[in-house]
N, C-alpha and C. Protein backbone atom coordinates (compact mmCIF):
# COMPACT_ATOMS: atom_id res chain seq x y z
N MET A 1 7.83 8.27 11.47
CA MET A 1 6.89 8.14 10.08
C MET A 1 6.83 7.32 9.61
N ALA A 2 8.10 6.55 9.35
CA ALA A 2 8.11 5.60 8.41
C ALA A 2 7.62 4.13 9.11
N ASP A 3 7.68 4.44 10.47
CA ASP A 3 7.04 3.00 11.06
C ASP A 3 5.33 3.00 10.61
N ILE A 4 5.02 4.23 10.94
CA ILE A 4 3.56 4.73 10.54
C ILE A 4 2.88 4.42 9.27
N LEU A 5 3.98 4.49 8.59
CA LEU A 5 3.74 4.08 6.90
C LEU A 5 3.63 2.55 6.88
N GLY A 6 4.61 2.16 7.46
CA GLY A 6 5.03 0.40 7.53
C GLY A 6 3.57 -0.48 8.23
N LYS A 7 3.19 0.12 9.17
CA LYS A 7 2.19 -0.48 9.53
C LYS A 7 1.02 -0.10 8.57
N LYS A 8 0.71 0.95 8.30
CA LYS A 8 -0.45 1.12 7.55
C LYS A 8 -0.39 -0.31 5.82
N ASN A 9 0.95 -0.09 5.68
CA ASN A 9 1.06 -0.86 4.30
C ASN A 9 0.90 -2.40 4.73
N LEU A 10 1.38 -2.76 6.03
CA LEU A 10 1.08 -4.40 6.49
C LEU A 10 -0.61 -4.55 6.61
N VAL A 11 -1.33 -3.24 7.17
CA VAL A 11 -2.85 -3.33 7.12
C VAL A 11 -3.43 -3.37 5.61
N LEU A 12 -2.90 -2.65 4.52
CA LEU A 12 -3.26 -2.77 3.25
C LEU A 12 -3.00 -4.27 2.79
N LEU A 13 -1.74 -4.98 3.06
CA LEU A 13 -1.68 -6.40 2.34
C LEU A 13 -2.14 -7.41 3.21
N ILE A 14 -2.66 -6.94 4.61
CA ILE A 14 -3.66 -8.08 5.03
C ILE A 14 -4.93 -8.18 4.79
N ILE A 15 -5.50 -6.76 4.04
CA ILE A 15 -6.50 -6.38 3.30
C ILE A 15 -6.74 -6.88 1.81
N LEU A 16 -5.55 -6.83 1.27
CA LEU A 16 -5.16 -7.15 -0.03
C LEU A 16 -5.57 -8.67 -0.11
N THR A 17 -4.62 -9.74 1.00
CA THR A 17 -5.09 -11.19 0.71
C THR A 17 -6.28 -11.46 1.57
N LYS A 18 -7.13 -10.78 1.70
CA LYS A 18 -8.60 -11.19 2.14
C LYS A 18 -9.57 -10.48 1.45
N ASP A 19 -9.34 -9.54 0.49
CA ASP A 19 -10.60 -8.77 -0.08
C ASP A 19 -10.86 -9.77 -0.92
N PRO A 20 -11.99 -9.40 -1.67
CA PRO A 20 -12.43 -10.58 -2.97
C PRO A 20 -12.15 -9.49 -4.14
N TYR A 21 -12.11 -8.31 -3.81
CA TYR A 21 -11.82 -7.65 -5.03
C TYR A 21 -10.15 -7.58 -4.93
N GLN A 22 -9.45 -8.40 -5.12
CA GLN A 22 -8.18 -8.33 -5.34
C GLN A 22 -7.62 -7.36 -6.27
N LYS A 23 -7.95 -7.58 -7.37
CA LYS A 23 -7.32 -6.92 -8.61
C LYS A 23 -7.50 -5.30 -8.20
N LYS A 24 -8.75 -4.66 -7.63
CA LYS A 24 -9.00 -3.31 -7.38
C LYS A 24 -7.70 -2.92 -6.66
N TRP A 25 -8.03 -3.60 -5.11
CA TRP A 25 -7.11 -3.49 -4.64
C TRP A 25 -5.48 -3.05 -4.71
N LYS A 26 -4.81 -4.51 -5.56
CA LYS A 26 -3.57 -4.09 -6.03
C LYS A 26 -3.30 -2.86 -6.50
N LYS A 27 -3.93 -2.83 -7.74
CA LYS A 27 -4.15 -1.24 -8.33
C LYS A 27 -3.88 0.22 -7.47
N MET A 28 -4.83 -0.07 -6.63
CA MET A 28 -4.59 0.88 -5.44
C MET A 28 -3.47 0.94 -4.77
N TYR A 29 -2.99 0.08 -4.31
CA TYR A 29 -2.20 -0.52 -3.06
C TYR A 29 -0.45 0.22 -4.23
N ALA A 30 -0.39 -0.48 -5.40
CA ALA A 30 0.32 -0.14 -6.16
C ALA A 30 0.47 1.48 -6.55
N LYS A 31 -0.70 1.99 -6.72
CA LYS A 31 -0.37 3.83 -6.83
C LYS A 31 0.12 4.68 -5.18
N ILE A 32 -0.24 3.88 -4.22
CA ILE A 32 0.28 4.33 -2.72
C ILE A 32 1.65 3.96 -2.71
N ILE A 33 2.27 2.68 -3.23
CA ILE A 33 3.39 2.65 -3.40
C ILE A 33 4.57 3.32 -3.79
N ASP A 34 4.05 3.59 -5.17
CA ASP A 34 4.66 4.44 -6.31
C ASP A 34 4.83 5.92 -5.55
N HIS A 35 3.57 6.11 -4.82
CA HIS A 35 3.73 7.88 -4.45
C HIS A 35 4.57 7.61 -3.49
N GLN A 36 4.86 6.96 -2.56
CA GLN A 36 5.58 6.60 -1.38
C GLN A 36 7.02 6.89 -1.69
N ARG A 37 7.14 6.07 -3.05
CA ARG A 37 8.73 5.59 -3.43
C ARG A 37 9.15 7.61 -3.97
N GLU A 38 8.08 8.11 -4.85
CA GLU A 38 8.42 9.57 -4.98
C GLU A 38 8.54 10.44 -3.84
N THR A 39 7.76 10.18 -2.71
CA THR A 39 8.27 11.10 -2.07
C THR A 39 9.20 11.13 -1.20
N VAL A 40 9.44 9.82 -1.00
CA VAL A 40 11.26 9.15 -0.58
C VAL A 40 12.18 9.71 -1.15
N MET A 41 12.17 9.70 -2.82
CA MET A 41 13.24 10.39 -3.32
C MET A 41 13.08 11.44 -3.86
N ALA A 42 12.18 12.44 -3.71
CA ALA A 42 12.02 13.82 -3.72
C ALA A 42 13.07 14.17 -2.52
């Protein structure tokens, strides 16, 4: 499961670095990361 999430995160990071709407993506990405942290902590 962690491997799948890791690959998704890598794809998201690649999108982030190329996407012209970086600020919007960074906010969304931050939310995803926070959600994953909460899921791991729970």
